Amino acid sequence: MFHICIILNDLKPIKMSKLNPQFDDYIAGSADFAKPILTHLRGLIHETCPDVEEIMKWGIPHFDYKGDMMCILAAYKKHCSFSLYKAELMTDEKLIESVKAGQKMGYMDKIKSLSDLPSNETLVVYIKEAMALNENGVKKVKPVAAEPKIIELPDYFSEILDAHPSTKEIFESKSPSFRKDYLVWITGAKTEATRQKRIEQSLEWIAQGKGRFWQYEK
């Protein structure tokens, strides 16, 4: 049996079966400056961690390993980012300090060219440590709010639900988190037009029993 492979930059060939076509589309749709950065990092991740899994989450390339997130790539208009999901649990002082400074997943968030990246040797050390955390089942600690924030049902949405009894019944039958996700989205709209659009979309999804983030549910 022959295996089709692709060569990314000067790194070792990667089996096509390991590559997610959605990643290819994401890279192809990125700005020209971002393409070599994303391609290089993708190749280095695969070379260092052959069993890594490519998954699109929230429209952004994620690399999972051993059933947990390991690192994340993203391209923006003028820069790229390479995030280590468990940066605060790693040993590198620069990573730890960056998390303390508010960069929740590592300091590599303003990459504009390949020269902005740490050396391949440093990146490999990062990736291997991230792999070890996942291999050992170490979990990222999520901060717990002292008092859970309660989102009140606004009158304008309550009135709309009253006008759609079947949808209201579904909405009220769901869990508090299901309802909160929609209320946060709707009340967070900055303009009336945006709010109306979100309400219309919410009514459609709720009527189908779908949660706010149903697209990302496995």
Protein backbone atom coordinates (compact mmCIF):
# COMPACT_ATOMS: atom_id res chain seq x y z
CA MET A 1 0.00 0.00 0.00
CA PHE A 2 1.32 3.44 -0.93
CA HIS A 3 0.87 6.47 1.33
CA ILE A 4 0.38 9.89 -0.19
CA CYS A 5 2.51 12.46 1.59
CA ILE A 6 2.90 16.22 1.59
CA ILE A 7 6.12 18.07 2.41
CA LEU A 8 5.69 21.23 4.50
CA ASN A 9 8.66 23.59 4.11
CA ASP A 10 11.89 21.70 4.83
CA LEU A 11 10.30 19.37 7.37
CA LYS A 12 9.68 15.66 7.03
CA PRO A 13 6.77 14.45 4.86
CA ILE A 14 3.39 14.14 6.55
CA LYS A 15 0.79 11.56 5.56
CA MET A 16 -2.22 13.16 3.92
CA SER A 17 -4.44 11.11 6.24
CA LYS A 18 -3.10 13.21 9.14
CA LEU A 19 -4.12 16.51 7.55
CA ASN A 20 -7.53 18.09 7.91
CA PRO A 21 -8.73 19.64 4.61
CA GLN A 22 -10.37 22.42 6.63
CA PHE A 23 -6.90 23.48 7.75
CA ASP A 24 -5.83 23.68 4.12
CA ASP A 25 -8.80 25.94 3.38
CA TYR A 26 -8.03 28.10 6.41
CA ILE A 27 -4.42 28.58 5.38
CA ALA A 28 -5.35 29.22 1.76
CA GLY A 29 -7.81 31.90 2.87
CA SER A 30 -5.28 33.65 5.11
CA ALA A 31 -3.25 36.71 4.16
CA ASP A 32 -0.11 36.05 2.12
CA PHE A 33 2.22 36.88 5.01
CA ALA A 34 0.43 34.30 7.19
CA LYS A 35 0.61 31.31 4.85
CA PRO A 36 4.31 30.41 5.41
CA ILE A 37 3.96 30.95 9.17
CA LEU A 38 0.93 28.66 9.51
CA THR A 39 2.40 26.07 7.15
CA HIS A 40 5.72 25.99 9.00
CA LEU A 41 4.13 25.65 12.44
CA ARG A 42 1.73 22.98 11.21
CA GLY A 43 4.62 20.95 9.82
CA LEU A 44 6.71 21.33 12.96
CA ILE A 45 3.81 20.23 15.17
CA HIS A 46 3.27 17.09 13.09
CA GLU A 47 6.97 16.29 12.95
CA THR A 48 7.24 16.59 16.74
CA CYS A 49 3.93 14.90 17.54
CA PRO A 50 3.01 12.42 14.75
CA ASP A 51 -0.20 11.38 16.52
CA VAL A 52 -1.58 14.91 16.81
CA GLU A 53 -5.16 15.40 15.61
CA GLU A 54 -6.23 18.42 13.57
CA ILE A 55 -9.66 19.76 14.56
CA MET A 56 -11.41 23.01 13.62
CA LYS A 57 -13.02 24.59 16.70
CA TRP A 58 -14.77 27.95 16.62
CA GLY A 59 -13.44 28.39 13.10
CA ILE A 60 -9.79 28.18 14.22
CA PRO A 61 -7.23 25.35 13.74
CA HIS A 62 -6.70 23.36 16.94
CA PHE A 63 -4.26 20.51 17.52
CA ASP A 64 -5.51 17.88 19.96
CA TYR A 65 -3.42 15.12 21.49
CA LYS A 66 -4.52 12.28 23.74
CA GLY A 67 -8.09 13.61 23.78
CA ASP A 68 -7.26 17.12 24.95
CA MET A 69 -6.29 20.43 23.37
CA MET A 70 -2.57 20.98 22.95
CA CYS A 71 -2.02 24.07 20.78
CA ILE A 72 -3.85 26.49 18.52
CA LEU A 73 -3.04 28.45 15.36
CA ALA A 74 -4.82 31.58 14.18
CA ALA A 75 -4.34 34.14 11.43
CA TYR A 76 -5.57 37.71 11.53
CA LYS A 77 -5.29 40.66 9.14
CA LYS A 78 -1.83 41.71 10.26
CA HIS A 79 -0.48 38.96 12.50
CA CYS A 80 -0.69 35.31 13.48
CA SER A 81 -0.75 33.58 16.85
CA PHE A 82 0.53 30.24 18.09
CA SER A 83 -1.00 29.37 21.45
CA LEU A 84 -0.04 26.62 23.86
CA TYR A 85 -3.27 25.68 25.58
CA LYS A 86 -1.65 24.81 28.91
CA ALA A 87 1.07 27.47 28.85
CA GLU A 88 0.61 28.37 32.51
CA LEU A 89 1.40 24.76 33.48
CA MET A 90 4.69 24.65 31.57
CA THR A 91 8.17 25.34 32.95
CA ASP A 92 9.41 28.09 30.64
CA GLU A 93 9.48 31.38 32.57
CA LYS A 94 8.59 33.44 29.49
CA LEU A 95 5.43 31.39 28.95
CA ILE A 96 4.42 31.59 32.60
CA GLU A 97 5.01 35.35 32.76
CA SER A 98 3.03 35.91 29.57
CA VAL A 99 0.05 34.12 31.08
CA LYS A 100 0.30 36.22 34.22
CA ALA A 101 0.33 39.31 31.99
CA GLY A 102 -2.99 38.31 30.50
CA GLN A 103 -1.95 36.31 27.45
CA LYS A 104 -3.88 33.25 28.53
CA MET A 105 -2.23 30.70 26.22
CA GLY A 106 1.33 31.91 25.75
CA TYR A 107 3.22 34.90 24.40
CA MET A 108 3.38 34.06 20.68
CA ASP A 109 0.44 36.20 19.63
CA LYS A 110 1.93 38.90 17.37
CA ILE A 111 3.73 36.87 14.74
CA LYS A 112 4.14 38.81 11.48
CA SER A 113 6.91 36.76 9.87
CA LEU A 114 8.82 33.52 10.41
CA SER A 115 11.61 35.53 12.02
CA ASP A 116 9.23 36.47 14.87
CA LEU A 117 9.02 32.85 15.96
CA PRO A 118 11.34 31.27 18.50
CA SER A 119 13.88 28.86 17.02
CA ASN A 120 12.66 25.45 15.89
CA GLU A 121 14.60 23.92 18.78
CA THR A 122 12.69 26.07 21.29
CA LEU A 123 9.36 25.37 19.64
CA VAL A 124 10.03 21.62 19.71
CA VAL A 125 10.78 21.83 23.45
CA TYR A 126 7.46 23.64 23.96
CA ILE A 127 5.52 21.10 21.92
CA LYS A 128 7.13 18.12 23.67
CA GLU A 129 6.30 19.55 27.09
CA ALA A 130 2.73 20.21 25.96
CA MET A 131 2.58 16.60 24.77
CA ALA A 132 3.81 15.34 28.14
CA LEU A 133 1.10 17.29 29.97
CA ASN A 134 -1.56 15.63 27.84
CA GLU A 135 0.04 12.21 28.11
CA ASN A 136 -0.04 12.52 31.90
CA GLY A 137 -3.66 13.67 31.90
CA VAL A 138 -2.85 17.10 33.37
CA LYS A 139 -5.87 19.36 32.97
CA LYS A 140 -6.03 23.12 32.58
CA VAL A 141 -7.56 24.64 35.70
CA LYS A 142 -10.55 26.80 34.94
CA PRO A 143 -11.13 29.72 37.33
CA VAL A 144 -14.33 29.49 39.33
CA ALA A 145 -16.28 32.68 39.83
CA ALA A 146 -17.04 33.52 43.45
CA GLU A 147 -20.69 34.06 42.58
CA PRO A 148 -22.17 32.75 39.33
CA LYS A 149 -23.47 35.62 37.23
CA ILE A 150 -27.22 35.50 36.78
CA ILE A 151 -28.58 36.76 33.46
CA GLU A 152 -32.16 37.96 33.80
CA LEU A 153 -34.61 37.29 31.00
CA PRO A 154 -35.16 40.73 29.41
CA ASP A 155 -38.74 41.86 28.88
CA TYR A 156 -38.32 42.25 25.13
CA PHE A 157 -37.24 38.61 24.73
CA SER A 158 -39.87 37.37 27.18
CA GLU A 159 -42.58 39.05 25.09
CA ILE A 160 -41.24 37.45 21.91
CA LEU A 161 -41.20 34.03 23.55
CA ASP A 162 -44.81 34.57 24.66
CA ALA A 163 -45.67 35.06 21.00
CA HIS A 164 -44.04 31.71 20.18
CA PRO A 165 -45.50 29.27 22.78
CA SER A 166 -43.88 26.11 21.41
CA THR A 167 -40.45 27.74 21.31
CA LYS A 168 -40.96 29.15 24.80
CA GLU A 169 -41.82 25.68 26.10
CA ILE A 170 -38.60 24.27 24.66
CA PHE A 171 -36.56 27.17 26.03
CA GLU A 172 -37.95 26.78 29.53
CA SER A 173 -37.48 23.00 29.49
CA LYS A 174 -33.74 23.30 28.84
CA SER A 175 -30.93 23.61 31.37
CA PRO A 176 -29.91 26.93 32.95
CA SER A 177 -26.68 26.89 30.94
CA PHE A 178 -28.64 26.41 27.70
CA ARG A 179 -30.76 29.48 28.47
CA LYS A 180 -27.82 31.53 29.73
CA ASP A 181 -25.85 30.99 26.51
CA TYR A 182 -28.65 32.53 24.48
CA LEU A 183 -29.31 35.38 26.91
CA VAL A 184 -25.64 36.36 27.06
CA TRP A 185 -25.54 36.43 23.25
CA ILE A 186 -28.72 38.44 22.86
CA THR A 187 -28.14 40.97 25.63
CA GLY A 188 -24.53 41.44 24.52
CA ALA A 189 -25.55 42.92 21.16
CA LYS A 190 -24.16 46.42 20.66
CA THR A 191 -26.89 47.67 18.32
CA GLU A 192 -30.63 47.16 17.99
CA ALA A 193 -30.18 45.69 14.50
CA THR A 194 -27.69 43.13 15.80
CA ARG A 195 -29.95 42.27 18.71
CA GLN A 196 -32.92 41.65 16.41
CA LYS A 197 -30.83 39.47 14.15
CA ARG A 198 -29.62 37.42 17.12
CA ILE A 199 -33.16 37.06 18.45
CA GLU A 200 -34.39 35.76 15.09
CA GLN A 201 -31.54 33.27 14.89
CA SER A 202 -32.09 32.22 18.51
CA LEU A 203 -35.78 31.53 17.92
CA GLU A 204 -34.92 29.31 14.96
CA TRP A 205 -32.32 27.29 16.84
CA ILE A 206 -34.32 27.02 20.07
CA ALA A 207 -37.34 25.75 18.12
CA GLN A 208 -35.07 22.97 16.86
CA GLY A 209 -33.82 22.23 20.36
CA LYS A 210 -30.32 23.38 19.46
CA GLY A 211 -27.99 25.02 21.94
CA ARG A 212 -26.29 28.33 21.18
CA PHE A 213 -23.04 26.55 20.22
CA TRP A 214 -24.58 23.51 18.52
CA GLN A 215 -22.24 23.86 15.52
CA TYR A 216 -19.26 23.00 17.73
CA GLU A 217 -20.78 20.05 19.53
CA LYS A 218 -19.39 16.67 18.53
